[in-house]
PDB file of N, CA and C in Angstrom:
ATOM      1  N   MET A   1      24.891  32.684 -10.420  1.00  0.00           N
ATOM      2  CA  MET A   1      23.565  33.244 -10.222  1.00  0.00           C
ATOM      3  C   MET A   1      22.866  33.493 -11.552  1.00  0.00           C
ATOM      4  N   LYS A   2      23.629  33.770 -12.590  1.00  0.00           N
ATOM      5  CA  LYS A   2      23.014  34.064 -13.878  1.00  0.00           C
ATOM      6  C   LYS A   2      22.276  32.858 -14.439  1.00  0.00           C
ATOM      7  N   LYS A   3      22.794  31.658 -14.189  1.00  0.00           N
ATOM      8  CA  LYS A   3      22.122  30.463 -14.679  1.00  0.00           C
ATOM      9  C   LYS A   3      20.732  30.331 -14.074  1.00  0.00           C
ATOM     10  N   VAL A   4      20.614  30.634 -12.807  1.00  0.00           N
ATOM     11  CA  VAL A   4      19.328  30.528 -12.119  1.00  0.00           C
ATOM     12  C   VAL A   4      18.322  31.495 -12.733  1.00  0.00           C
ATOM     13  N   VAL A   5      18.753  32.710 -12.989  1.00  0.00           N
ATOM     14  CA  VAL A   5      17.858  33.721 -13.557  1.00  0.00           C
ATOM     15  C   VAL A   5      17.408  33.304 -14.954  1.00  0.00           C
ATOM     16  N   ARG A   6      18.329  32.797 -15.766  1.00  0.00           N
ATOM     17  CA  ARG A   6      17.977  32.355 -17.117  1.00  0.00           C
ATOM     18  C   ARG A   6      16.975  31.212 -17.080  1.00  0.00           C
ATOM     19  N   ARG A   7      17.195  30.279 -16.162  1.00  0.00           N
ATOM     20  CA  ARG A   7      16.302  29.131 -16.061  1.00  0.00           C
ATOM     21  C   ARG A   7      14.914  29.566 -15.591  1.00  0.00           C
ATOM     22  N   LYS A   8      14.848  30.477 -14.652  1.00  0.00           N
ATOM     23  CA  LYS A   8      13.563  30.916 -14.114  1.00  0.00           C
ATOM     24  C   LYS A   8      12.756  31.702 -15.148  1.00  0.00           C
ATOM     25  N   LYS A   9      13.426  32.339 -16.121  1.00  0.00           N
ATOM     26  CA  LYS A   9      12.703  33.049 -17.168  1.00  0.00           C
ATOM     27  C   LYS A   9      11.937  32.079 -18.057  1.00  0.00           C
ATOM     28  N   ARG A  10      12.524  30.921 -18.323  1.00  0.00           N
ATOM     29  CA  ARG A  10      11.925  29.962 -19.240  1.00  0.00           C
ATOM     30  C   ARG A  10      10.870  29.100 -18.574  1.00  0.00           C
ATOM     31  N   ILE A  11      11.080  28.750 -17.334  1.00  0.00           N
ATOM     32  CA  ILE A  11      10.169  27.826 -16.647  1.00  0.00           C
ATOM     33  C   ILE A  11       9.233  28.641 -15.771  1.00  0.00           C
ATOM     34  N   PHE A  12       7.965  28.695 -16.187  1.00  0.00           N
ATOM     35  CA  PHE A  12       6.984  29.495 -15.472  1.00  0.00           C
ATOM     36  C   PHE A  12       5.681  28.722 -15.438  1.00  0.00           C
ATOM     37  N   GLY A  13       5.087  28.607 -14.276  1.00  0.00           N
ATOM     38  CA  GLY A  13       3.828  27.894 -14.132  1.00  0.00           C
ATOM     39  C   GLY A  13       2.658  28.852 -14.071  1.00  0.00           C
ATOM     40  N   SER A  14       1.579  28.502 -14.724  1.00  0.00           N
ATOM     41  CA  SER A  14       0.368  29.320 -14.699  1.00  0.00           C
ATOM     42  C   SER A  14      -0.727  28.562 -13.963  1.00  0.00           C
ATOM     43  N   SER A  15      -1.910  29.150 -13.923  1.00  0.00           N
ATOM     44  CA  SER A  15      -3.015  28.455 -13.259  1.00  0.00           C
ATOM     45  C   SER A  15      -3.474  27.254 -14.096  1.00  0.00           C
ATOM     46  N   ASP A  16      -3.298  27.319 -15.434  1.00  0.00           N
ATOM     47  CA  ASP A  16      -3.647  26.190 -16.294  1.00  0.00           C
ATOM     48  C   ASP A  16      -2.635  25.061 -16.161  1.00  0.00           C
ATOM     49  N   LYS A  17      -1.368  25.439 -16.101  1.00  0.00           N
ATOM     50  CA  LYS A  17      -0.271  24.477 -16.095  1.00  0.00           C
ATOM     51  C   LYS A  17       0.733  24.894 -15.010  1.00  0.00           C
ATOM     52  N   PRO A  18       0.492  24.516 -13.759  1.00  0.00           N
ATOM     53  CA  PRO A  18       1.396  24.922 -12.682  1.00  0.00           C
ATOM     54  C   PRO A  18       2.760  24.243 -12.788  1.00  0.00           C
ATOM     55  N   ARG A  19       3.688  24.713 -11.995  1.00  0.00           N
ATOM     56  CA  ARG A  19       5.075  24.251 -12.040  1.00  0.00           C
ATOM     57  C   ARG A  19       5.308  23.201 -10.957  1.00  0.00           C
ATOM     58  N   LEU A  20       5.871  22.059 -11.358  1.00  0.00           N
ATOM     59  CA  LEU A  20       6.255  20.998 -10.426  1.00  0.00           C
ATOM     60  C   LEU A  20       7.743  21.171 -10.131  1.00  0.00           C
ATOM     61  N   VAL A  21       8.062  21.573  -8.919  1.00  0.00           N
ATOM     62  CA  VAL A  21       9.436  21.857  -8.521  1.00  0.00           C
ATOM     63  C   VAL A  21       9.967  20.714  -7.673  1.00  0.00           C
ATOM     64  N   VAL A  22      11.165  20.254  -8.008  1.00  0.00           N
ATOM     65  CA  VAL A  22      11.822  19.190  -7.259  1.00  0.00           C
ATOM     66  C   VAL A  22      12.982  19.805  -6.485  1.00  0.00           C
ATOM     67  N   SER A  23      13.085  19.423  -5.241  1.00  0.00           N
ATOM     68  CA  SER A  23      14.199  19.847  -4.412  1.00  0.00           C
ATOM     69  C   SER A  23      14.673  18.626  -3.644  1.00  0.00           C
ATOM     70  N   ARG A  24      15.966  18.562  -3.419  1.00  0.00           N
ATOM     71  CA  ARG A  24      16.464  17.399  -2.689  1.00  0.00           C
ATOM     72  C   ARG A  24      17.560  17.816  -1.725  1.00  0.00           C
ATOM     73  N   SER A  25      17.670  17.025  -0.676  1.00  0.00           N
ATOM     74  CA  SER A  25      18.757  17.173   0.279  1.00  0.00           C
ATOM     75  C   SER A  25      19.504  15.847   0.292  1.00  0.00           C
ATOM     76  N   LEU A  26      20.438  15.710   1.179  1.00  0.00           N
ATOM     77  CA  LEU A  26      21.168  14.457   1.243  1.00  0.00           C
ATOM     78  C   LEU A  26      20.285  13.304   1.709  1.00  0.00           C
ATOM     79  N   LYS A  27      19.264  13.604   2.522  1.00  0.00           N
ATOM     80  CA  LYS A  27      18.406  12.552   3.059  1.00  0.00           C
ATOM     81  C   LYS A  27      17.057  12.432   2.369  1.00  0.00           C
ATOM     82  N   TYR A  28      16.464  13.550   1.964  1.00  0.00           N
ATOM     83  CA  TYR A  28      15.081  13.547   1.513  1.00  0.00           C
ATOM     84  C   TYR A  28      14.932  14.203   0.145  1.00  0.00           C
ATOM     85  N   VAL A  29      13.796  13.926  -0.479  1.00  0.00           N
ATOM     86  CA  VAL A  29      13.416  14.600  -1.716  1.00  0.00           C
ATOM     87  C   VAL A  29      12.063  15.267  -1.465  1.00  0.00           C
ATOM     88  N   TYR A  30      11.902  16.464  -2.012  1.00  0.00           N
ATOM     89  CA  TYR A  30      10.695  17.251  -1.818  1.00  0.00           C
ATOM     90  C   TYR A  30      10.140  17.633  -3.187  1.00  0.00           C
ATOM     91  N   ALA A  31       8.832  17.755  -3.305  1.00  0.00           N
ATOM     92  CA  ALA A  31       8.207  18.196  -4.549  1.00  0.00           C
ATOM     93  C   ALA A  31       7.024  19.096  -4.201  1.00  0.00           C
ATOM     94  N   GLN A  32       6.894  20.168  -4.970  1.00  0.00           N
ATOM     95  CA  GLN A  32       5.793  21.095  -4.784  1.00  0.00           C
ATOM     96  C   GLN A  32       5.192  21.432  -6.130  1.00  0.00           C
ATOM     97  N   ILE A  33       3.899  21.685  -6.143  1.00  0.00           N
ATOM     98  CA  ILE A  33       3.238  22.201  -7.327  1.00  0.00           C
ATOM     99  C   ILE A  33       2.863  23.641  -7.026  1.00  0.00           C
ATOM    100  N   ILE A  34       3.395  24.561  -7.847  1.00  0.00           N
ATOM    101  CA  ILE A  34       3.294  25.994  -7.574  1.00  0.00           C
ATOM    102  C   ILE A  34       2.599  26.691  -8.738  1.00  0.00           C
ATOM    103  N   ASP A  35       1.666  27.585  -8.413  1.00  0.00           N
ATOM    104  CA  ASP A  35       1.042  28.468  -9.397  1.00  0.00           C
ATOM    105  C   ASP A  35       1.780  29.796  -9.322  1.00  0.00           C
ATOM    106  N   ASP A  36       2.560  30.110 -10.356  1.00  0.00           N
ATOM    107  CA  ASP A  36       3.371  31.327 -10.336  1.00  0.00           C
ATOM    108  C   ASP A  36       2.549  32.585 -10.577  1.00  0.00           C
ATOM    109  N   ASP A  37       1.386  32.457 -11.208  1.00  0.00           N
ATOM    110  CA  ASP A  37       0.532  33.633 -11.417  1.00  0.00           C
ATOM    111  C   ASP A  37       0.061  34.206 -10.084  1.00  0.00           C
ATOM    112  N   SER A  38      -0.455  33.349  -9.221  1.00  0.00           N
ATOM    113  CA  SER A  38      -0.954  33.814  -7.924  1.00  0.00           C
ATOM    114  C   SER A  38       0.078  33.660  -6.813  1.00  0.00           C
ATOM    115  N   GLN A  39       1.253  33.133  -7.151  1.00  0.00           N
ATOM    116  CA  GLN A  39       2.355  32.938  -6.204  1.00  0.00           C
ATOM    117  C   GLN A  39       1.910  32.110  -4.992  1.00  0.00           C
ATOM    118  N   GLN A  40       1.301  30.959  -5.289  1.00  0.00           N
ATOM    119  CA  GLN A  40       0.834  30.070  -4.222  1.00  0.00           C
ATOM    120  C   GLN A  40       1.333  28.661  -4.456  1.00  0.00           C
ATOM    121  N   THR A  41       1.635  27.994  -3.370  1.00  0.00           N
ATOM    122  CA  THR A  41       1.950  26.574  -3.430  1.00  0.00           C
ATOM    123  C   THR A  41       0.636  25.812  -3.325  1.00  0.00           C
ATOM    124  N   LEU A  42       0.324  25.047  -4.354  1.00  0.00           N
ATOM    125  CA  LEU A  42      -0.947  24.324  -4.388  1.00  0.00           C
ATOM    126  C   LEU A  42      -0.863  23.000  -3.648  1.00  0.00           C
ATOM    127  N   LEU A  43       0.243  22.282  -3.832  1.00  0.00           N
ATOM    128  CA  LEU A  43       0.441  20.977  -3.201  1.00  0.00           C
ATOM    129  C   LEU A  43       1.900  20.806  -2.832  1.00  0.00           C
ATOM    130  N   GLY A  44       2.129  19.906  -1.929  1.00  0.00           N
ATOM    131  CA  GLY A  44       3.495  19.557  -1.578  1.00  0.00           C
ATOM    132  C   GLY A  44       3.566  18.130  -1.068  1.00  0.00           C
ATOM    133  N   ALA A  45       4.699  17.489  -1.325  1.00  0.00           N
ATOM    134  CA  ALA A  45       4.904  16.130  -0.824  1.00  0.00           C
ATOM    135  C   ALA A  45       6.398  15.927  -0.614  1.00  0.00           C
ATOM    136  N   SER A  46       6.728  15.057   0.307  1.00  0.00           N
ATOM    137  CA  SER A  46       8.132  14.737   0.551  1.00  0.00           C
ATOM    138  C   SER A  46       8.213  13.352   1.175  1.00  0.00           C
ATOM    139  N   GLU A  47       9.431  12.903   1.355  1.00  0.00           N
ATOM    140  CA  GLU A  47       9.633  11.617   2.013  1.00  0.00           C
ATOM    141  C   GLU A  47       9.254  11.690   3.485  1.00  0.00           C
ATOM    142  N   LYS A  48       9.103  12.883   4.004  1.00  0.00           N
ATOM    143  CA  LYS A  48       8.731  13.055   5.403  1.00  0.00           C
ATOM    144  C   LYS A  48       7.222  13.128   5.609  1.00  0.00           C
ATOM    145  N   SER A  49       6.434  13.022   4.531  1.00  0.00           N
ATOM    146  CA  SER A  49       4.975  13.098   4.630  1.00  0.00           C
ATOM    147  C   SER A  49       4.439  11.955   5.484  1.00  0.00           C
ATOM    148  N   LYS A  50       3.531  12.276   6.355  1.00  0.00           N
ATOM    149  CA  LYS A  50       2.962  11.264   7.246  1.00  0.00           C
ATOM    150  C   LYS A  50       2.152  10.224   6.482  1.00  0.00           C
ATOM    151  N   GLU A  51       1.538  10.655   5.368  1.00  0.00           N
ATOM    152  CA  GLU A  51       0.713   9.732   4.583  1.00  0.00           C
ATOM    153  C   GLU A  51       1.561   8.651   3.910  1.00  0.00           C
ATOM    154  N   LEU A  52       2.826   8.943   3.661  1.00  0.00           N
ATOM    155  CA  LEU A  52       3.714   7.991   2.988  1.00  0.00           C
ATOM    156  C   LEU A  52       4.540   7.153   3.955  1.00  0.00           C
ATOM    157  N   ALA A  53       4.421   7.391   5.223  1.00  0.00           N
ATOM    158  CA  ALA A  53       5.289   6.737   6.208  1.00  0.00           C
ATOM    159  C   ALA A  53       5.209   5.213   6.140  1.00  0.00           C
ATOM    160  N   ASP A  54       4.004   4.660   5.989  1.00  0.00           N
ATOM    161  CA  ASP A  54       3.855   3.205   5.946  1.00  0.00           C
ATOM    162  C   ASP A  54       4.490   2.599   4.697  1.00  0.00           C
ATOM    163  N   LYS A  55       4.308   3.254   3.559  1.00  0.00           N
ATOM    164  CA  LYS A  55       4.875   2.737   2.308  1.00  0.00           C
ATOM    165  C   LYS A  55       6.398   2.838   2.299  1.00  0.00           C
ATOM    166  N   LEU A  56       6.920   3.889   2.912  1.00  0.00           N
ATOM    167  CA  LEU A  56       8.365   4.121   2.865  1.00  0.00           C
ATOM    168  C   LEU A  56       9.145   3.208   3.812  1.00  0.00           C
ATOM    169  N   LYS A  57       8.463   2.538   4.736  1.00  0.00           N
ATOM    170  CA  LYS A  57       9.159   1.624   5.638  1.00  0.00           C
ATOM    171  C   LYS A  57       9.733   0.428   4.889  1.00  0.00           C
ATOM    172  N   ASP A  58       9.026  -0.021   3.842  1.00  0.00           N
ATOM    173  CA  ASP A  58       9.447  -1.196   3.081  1.00  0.00           C
ATOM    174  C   ASP A  58      10.464  -0.868   1.996  1.00  0.00           C
ATOM    175  N   VAL A  59      10.669   0.402   1.717  1.00  0.00           N
ATOM    176  CA  VAL A  59      11.549   0.819   0.617  1.00  0.00           C
ATOM    177  C   VAL A  59      13.000   0.721   1.048  1.00  0.00           C
ATOM    178  N   GLU A  60      13.827   0.189   0.149  1.00  0.00           N
ATOM    179  CA  GLU A  60      15.238   0.002   0.471  1.00  0.00           C
ATOM    180  C   GLU A  60      16.134   1.127  -0.027  1.00  0.00           C
ATOM    181  N   SER A  61      15.770   1.768  -1.152  1.00  0.00           N
ATOM    182  CA  SER A  61      16.641   2.798  -1.703  1.00  0.00           C
ATOM    183  C   SER A  61      15.928   4.146  -1.769  1.00  0.00           C
ATOM    184  N   ARG A  62      16.707   5.205  -1.866  1.00  0.00           N
ATOM    185  CA  ARG A  62      16.142   6.549  -1.955  1.00  0.00           C
ATOM    186  C   ARG A  62      15.482   6.782  -3.301  1.00  0.00           C
ATOM    187  N   VAL A  63      15.958   6.089  -4.340  1.00  0.00           N
ATOM    188  CA  VAL A  63      15.367   6.230  -5.667  1.00  0.00           C
ATOM    189  C   VAL A  63      13.935   5.695  -5.658  1.00  0.00           C
ATOM    190  N   GLU A  64      13.721   4.555  -5.028  1.00  0.00           N
ATOM    191  CA  GLU A  64      12.372   3.992  -4.916  1.00  0.00           C
ATOM    192  C   GLU A  64      11.469   4.914  -4.094  1.00  0.00           C
ATOM    193  N   ALA A  65      12.017   5.494  -3.048  1.00  0.00           N
ATOM    194  CA  ALA A  65      11.245   6.417  -2.216  1.00  0.00           C
ATOM    195  C   ALA A  65      10.848   7.647  -3.018  1.00  0.00           C
ATOM    196  N   SER A  66      11.739   8.133  -3.875  1.00  0.00           N
ATOM    197  CA  SER A  66      11.436   9.295  -4.708  1.00  0.00           C
ATOM    198  C   SER A  66      10.308   8.985  -5.681  1.00  0.00           C
ATOM    199  N   LYS A  67      10.298   7.787  -6.214  1.00  0.00           N
ATOM    200  CA  LYS A  67       9.241   7.389  -7.140  1.00  0.00           C
ATOM    201  C   LYS A  67       7.893   7.361  -6.418  1.00  0.00           C
ATOM    202  N   LEU A  68       7.886   6.873  -5.188  1.00  0.00           N
ATOM    203  CA  LEU A  68       6.646   6.865  -4.405  1.00  0.00           C
ATOM    204  C   LEU A  68       6.156   8.282  -4.126  1.00  0.00           C
ATOM    205  N   VAL A  69       7.084   9.199  -3.871  1.00  0.00           N
ATOM    206  CA  VAL A  69       6.709  10.598  -3.634  1.00  0.00           C
ATOM    207  C   VAL A  69       6.067  11.177  -4.888  1.00  0.00           C
ATOM    208  N   GLY A  70       6.630  10.876  -6.066  1.00  0.00           N
ATOM    209  CA  GLY A  70       6.061  11.351  -7.320  1.00  0.00           C
ATOM    210  C   GLY A  70       4.667  10.809  -7.560  1.00  0.00           C
ATOM    211  N   GLU A  71       4.470   9.523  -7.296  1.00  0.00           N
ATOM    212  CA  GLU A  71       3.152   8.919  -7.473  1.00  0.00           C
ATOM    213  C   GLU A  71       2.134   9.528  -6.507  1.00  0.00           C
ATOM    214  N   TYR A  72       2.555   9.749  -5.274  1.00  0.00           N
ATOM    215  CA  TYR A  72       1.667  10.336  -4.268  1.00  0.00           C
ATOM    216  C   TYR A  72       1.283  11.767  -4.649  1.00  0.00           C
ATOM    217  N   LEU A  73       2.262  12.538  -5.122  1.00  0.00           N
ATOM    218  CA  LEU A  73       1.989  13.913  -5.524  1.00  0.00           C
ATOM    219  C   LEU A  73       1.029  13.949  -6.714  1.00  0.00           C
ATOM    220  N   ALA A  74       1.204  13.039  -7.652  1.00  0.00           N
ATOM    221  CA  ALA A  74       0.310  12.971  -8.818  1.00  0.00           C
ATOM    222  C   ALA A  74      -1.110  12.635  -8.384  1.00  0.00           C
ATOM    223  N   LYS A  75      -1.238  11.729  -7.434  1.00  0.00           N
ATOM    224  CA  LYS A  75      -2.572  11.360  -6.932  1.00  0.00           C
ATOM    225  C   LYS A  75      -3.264  12.561  -6.287  1.00  0.00           C
ATOM    226  N   LYS A  76      -2.516  13.302  -5.483  1.00  0.00           N
ATOM    227  CA  LYS A  76      -3.076  14.495  -4.853  1.00  0.00           C
ATOM    228  C   LYS A  76      -3.418  15.563  -5.880  1.00  0.00           C
ATOM    229  N   ALA A  77      -2.584  15.686  -6.916  1.00  0.00           N
ATOM    230  CA  ALA A  77      -2.829  16.695  -7.952  1.00  0.00           C
ATOM    231  C   ALA A  77      -4.085  16.364  -8.744  1.00  0.00           C
ATOM    232  N   LEU A  78      -4.279  15.103  -9.062  1.00  0.00           N
ATOM    233  CA  LEU A  78      -5.468  14.713  -9.819  1.00  0.00           C
ATOM    234  C   LEU A  78      -6.744  14.931  -9.005  1.00  0.00           C
ATOM    235  N   GLU A  79      -6.649  14.820  -7.689  1.00  0.00           N
ATOM    236  CA  GLU A  79      -7.801  15.112  -6.831  1.00  0.00           C
ATOM    237  C   GLU A  79      -8.185  16.580  -6.909  1.00  0.00           C
ATOM    238  N   LYS A  80      -7.192  17.453  -7.167  1.00  0.00           N
ATOM    239  CA  LYS A  80      -7.450  18.889  -7.285  1.00  0.00           C
ATOM    240  C   LYS A  80      -7.604  19.320  -8.747  1.00  0.00           C
ATOM    241  N   ASP A  81      -7.818  18.361  -9.647  1.00  0.00           N
ATOM    242  CA  ASP A  81      -8.009  18.610 -11.083  1.00  0.00           C
ATOM    243  C   ASP A  81      -6.804  19.263 -11.743  1.00  0.00           C
ATOM    244  N   ILE A  82      -5.625  18.892 -11.325  1.00  0.00           N
ATOM    245  CA  ILE A  82      -4.396  19.338 -11.981  1.00  0.00           C
ATOM    246  C   ILE A  82      -3.878  18.149 -12.773  1.00  0.00           C
ATOM    247  N   LYS A  83      -3.875  18.286 -14.098  1.00  0.00           N
ATOM    248  CA  LYS A  83      -3.457  17.176 -14.962  1.00  0.00           C
ATOM    249  C   LYS A  83      -2.154  17.457 -15.687  1.00  0.00           C
ATOM    250  N   LYS A  84      -1.905  18.737 -16.013  1.00  0.00           N
ATOM    251  CA  LYS A  84      -0.698  19.118 -16.742  1.00  0.00           C
ATOM    252  C   LYS A  84       0.142  20.048 -15.889  1.00  0.00           C
ATOM    253  N   VAL A  85       1.444  19.804 -15.894  1.00  0.00           N
ATOM    254  CA  VAL A  85       2.380  20.641 -15.138  1.00  0.00           C
ATOM    255  C   VAL A  85       3.610  20.930 -15.991  1.00  0.00           C
ATOM    256  N   VAL A  86       4.365  21.927 -15.557  1.00  0.00           N
ATOM    257  CA  VAL A  86       5.670  22.229 -16.131  1.00  0.00           C
ATOM    258  C   VAL A  86       6.695  21.698 -15.148  1.00  0.00           C
ATOM    259  N   PHE A  87       7.620  20.882 -15.606  1.00  0.00           N
ATOM    260  CA  PHE A  87       8.589  20.250 -14.710  1.00  0.00           C
ATOM    261  C   PHE A  87       9.797  21.149 -14.515  1.00  0.00           C
ATOM    262  N   ASP A  88      10.107  21.460 -13.276  1.00  0.00           N
ATOM    263  CA  ASP A  88      11.256  22.284 -12.911  1.00  0.00           C
ATOM    264  C   ASP A  88      12.174  21.429 -12.050  1.00  0.00           C
ATOM    265  N   ARG A  89      13.291  20.998 -12.640  1.00  0.00           N
ATOM    266  CA  ARG A  89      14.212  20.137 -11.902  1.00  0.00           C
ATOM    267  C   ARG A  89      15.130  20.939 -10.992  1.00  0.00           C
ATOM    268  N   ASN A  90      14.979  22.260 -11.003  1.00  0.00           N
ATOM    269  CA  ASN A  90      15.654  23.144 -10.058  1.00  0.00           C
ATOM    270  C   ASN A  90      17.179  23.084 -10.167  1.00  0.00           C
ATOM    271  N   GLY A  91      17.680  22.864 -11.370  1.00  0.00           N
ATOM    272  CA  GLY A  91      19.115  22.851 -11.588  1.00  0.00           C
ATOM    273  C   GLY A  91      19.784  21.512 -11.373  1.00  0.00           C
ATOM    274  N   TYR A  92      19.043  20.535 -10.866  1.00  0.00           N
ATOM    275  CA  TYR A  92      19.615  19.210 -10.655  1.00  0.00           C
ATOM    276  C   TYR A  92      19.661  18.465 -11.982  1.00  0.00           C
ATOM    277  N   LYS A  93      20.600  17.555 -12.124  1.00  0.00           N
ATOM    278  CA  LYS A  93      20.656  16.727 -13.314  1.00  0.00           C
ATOM    279  C   LYS A  93      19.461  15.777 -13.319  1.00  0.00           C
ATOM    280  N   TYR A  94      19.007  15.453 -14.527  1.00  0.00           N
ATOM    281  CA  TYR A  94      17.841  14.587 -14.661  1.00  0.00           C
ATOM    282  C   TYR A  94      18.290  13.126 -14.621  1.00  0.00           C
ATOM    283  N   HIS A  95      18.601  12.655 -13.443  1.00  0.00           N
ATOM    284  CA  HIS A  95      18.921  11.246 -13.233  1.00  0.00           C
ATOM    285  C   HIS A  95      18.744  10.949 -11.762  1.00  0.00           C
ATOM    286  N   GLY A  96      18.750   9.691 -11.414  1.00  0.00           N
ATOM    287  CA  GLY A  96      18.644   9.294 -10.013  1.00  0.00           C
ATOM    288  C   GLY A  96      17.304   9.629  -9.412  1.00  0.00           C
ATOM    289  N   ARG A  97      17.349  10.314  -8.281  1.00  0.00           N
ATOM    290  CA  ARG A  97      16.125  10.596  -7.530  1.00  0.00           C
ATOM    291  C   ARG A  97      15.195  11.564  -8.253  1.00  0.00           C
ATOM    292  N   VAL A  98      15.769  12.539  -8.972  1.00  0.00           N
ATOM    293  CA  VAL A  98      14.941  13.500  -9.708  1.00  0.00           C
ATOM    294  C   VAL A  98      14.193  12.791 -10.835  1.00  0.00           C
ATOM    295  N   LYS A  99      14.888  11.932 -11.559  1.00  0.00           N
ATOM    296  CA  LYS A  99      14.262  11.180 -12.647  1.00  0.00           C
ATOM    297  C   LYS A  99      13.199  10.226 -12.107  1.00  0.00           C
ATOM    298  N   ALA A 100      13.468   9.583 -10.985  1.00  0.00           N
ATOM    299  CA  ALA A 100      12.508   8.654 -10.390  1.00  0.00           C
ATOM    300  C   ALA A 100      11.240   9.389  -9.963  1.00  0.00           C
ATOM    301  N   LEU A 101      11.389  10.578  -9.388  1.00  0.00           N
ATOM    302  CA  LEU A 101      10.222  11.358  -8.987  1.00  0.00           C
ATOM    303  C   LEU A 101       9.399  11.739 -10.218  1.00  0.00           C
ATOM    304  N   ALA A 102      10.062  12.147 -11.294  1.00  0.00           N
ATOM    305  CA  ALA A 102       9.354  12.518 -12.517  1.00  0.00           C
ATOM    306  C   ALA A 102       8.623  11.319 -13.111  1.00  0.00           C
ATOM    307  N   GLU A 103       9.271  10.166 -13.133  1.00  0.00           N
ATOM    308  CA  GLU A 103       8.629   8.968 -13.667  1.00  0.00           C
ATOM    309  C   GLU A 103       7.440   8.550 -12.816  1.00  0.00           C
ATOM    310  N   GLY A 104       7.579   8.670 -11.494  1.00  0.00           N
ATOM    311  CA  GLY A 104       6.462   8.351 -10.607  1.00  0.00           C
ATOM    312  C   GLY A 104       5.285   9.283 -10.823  1.00  0.00           C
ATOM    313  N   ALA A 105       5.565  10.555 -11.054  1.00  0.00           N
ATOM    314  CA  ALA A 105       4.492  11.514 -11.303  1.00  0.00           C
ATOM    315  C   ALA A 105       3.803  11.211 -12.636  1.00  0.00           C
ATOM    316  N   ARG A 106       4.583  10.828 -13.632  1.00  0.00           N
ATOM    317  CA  ARG A 106       3.985  10.470 -14.939  1.00  0.00           C
ATOM    318  C   ARG A 106       3.128   9.209 -14.809  1.00  0.00           C
ATOM    319  N   GLU A 107       3.624   8.229 -14.081  1.00  0.00           N
ATOM    320  CA  GLU A 107       2.853   7.000 -13.882  1.00  0.00           C
ATOM    321  C   GLU A 107       1.582   7.271 -13.082  1.00  0.00           C
ATOM    322  N   GLY A 108       1.638   8.268 -12.208  1.00  0.00           N
ATOM    323  CA  GLY A 108       0.469   8.628 -11.424  1.00  0.00           C
ATOM    324  C   GLY A 108      -0.590   9.379 -12.218  1.00  0.00           C
ATOM    325  N   GLY A 109      -0.230   9.863 -13.427  1.00  0.00           N
ATOM    326  CA  GLY A 109      -1.227  10.505 -14.271  1.00  0.00           C
ATOM    327  C   GLY A 109      -0.940  11.934 -14.655  1.00  0.00           C
ATOM    328  N   LEU A 110       0.153  12.519 -14.193  1.00  0.00           N
ATOM    329  CA  LEU A 110       0.482  13.886 -14.579  1.00  0.00           C
ATOM    330  C   LEU A 110       1.131  13.921 -15.955  1.00  0.00           C
ATOM    331  N   GLU A 111       0.872  14.980 -16.703  1.00  0.00           N
ATOM    332  CA  GLU A 111       1.480  15.160 -18.021  1.00  0.00           C
ATOM    333  C   GLU A 111       2.422  16.343 -17.977  1.00  0.00           C
ATOM    334  N   PHE A 112       3.657  16.115 -18.486  1.00  0.00           N
ATOM    335  CA  PHE A 112       4.613  17.213 -18.666  1.00  0.00           C
ATOM    336  C   PHE A 112       5.645  16.817 -19.672  1.00  0.00           C
TER     337      PHE A 112
END
């Protein structure tokens, strides 16, 4: 539990630079953009999003699906004038699906 507390002290999102949080399960990957000052979730996207259903039918691997989720989240964030975020990998190692989501978000136009 101490690791979580230490990590949460360092990674904090503000209204200028909200926090991009990645969460994953065995089947899906989820991403949210959170403003910690007002304690609100500004955006969210996952592999279960209805808007991504058509694109995800052609995808063969979960890594590719994660990249699409990152690109979709970046597109939605840019529509709400969010350009810079703080990346919170939520304790997961930076490889595989987490890395693919981050790369997709960067390709979509987010800076972190």
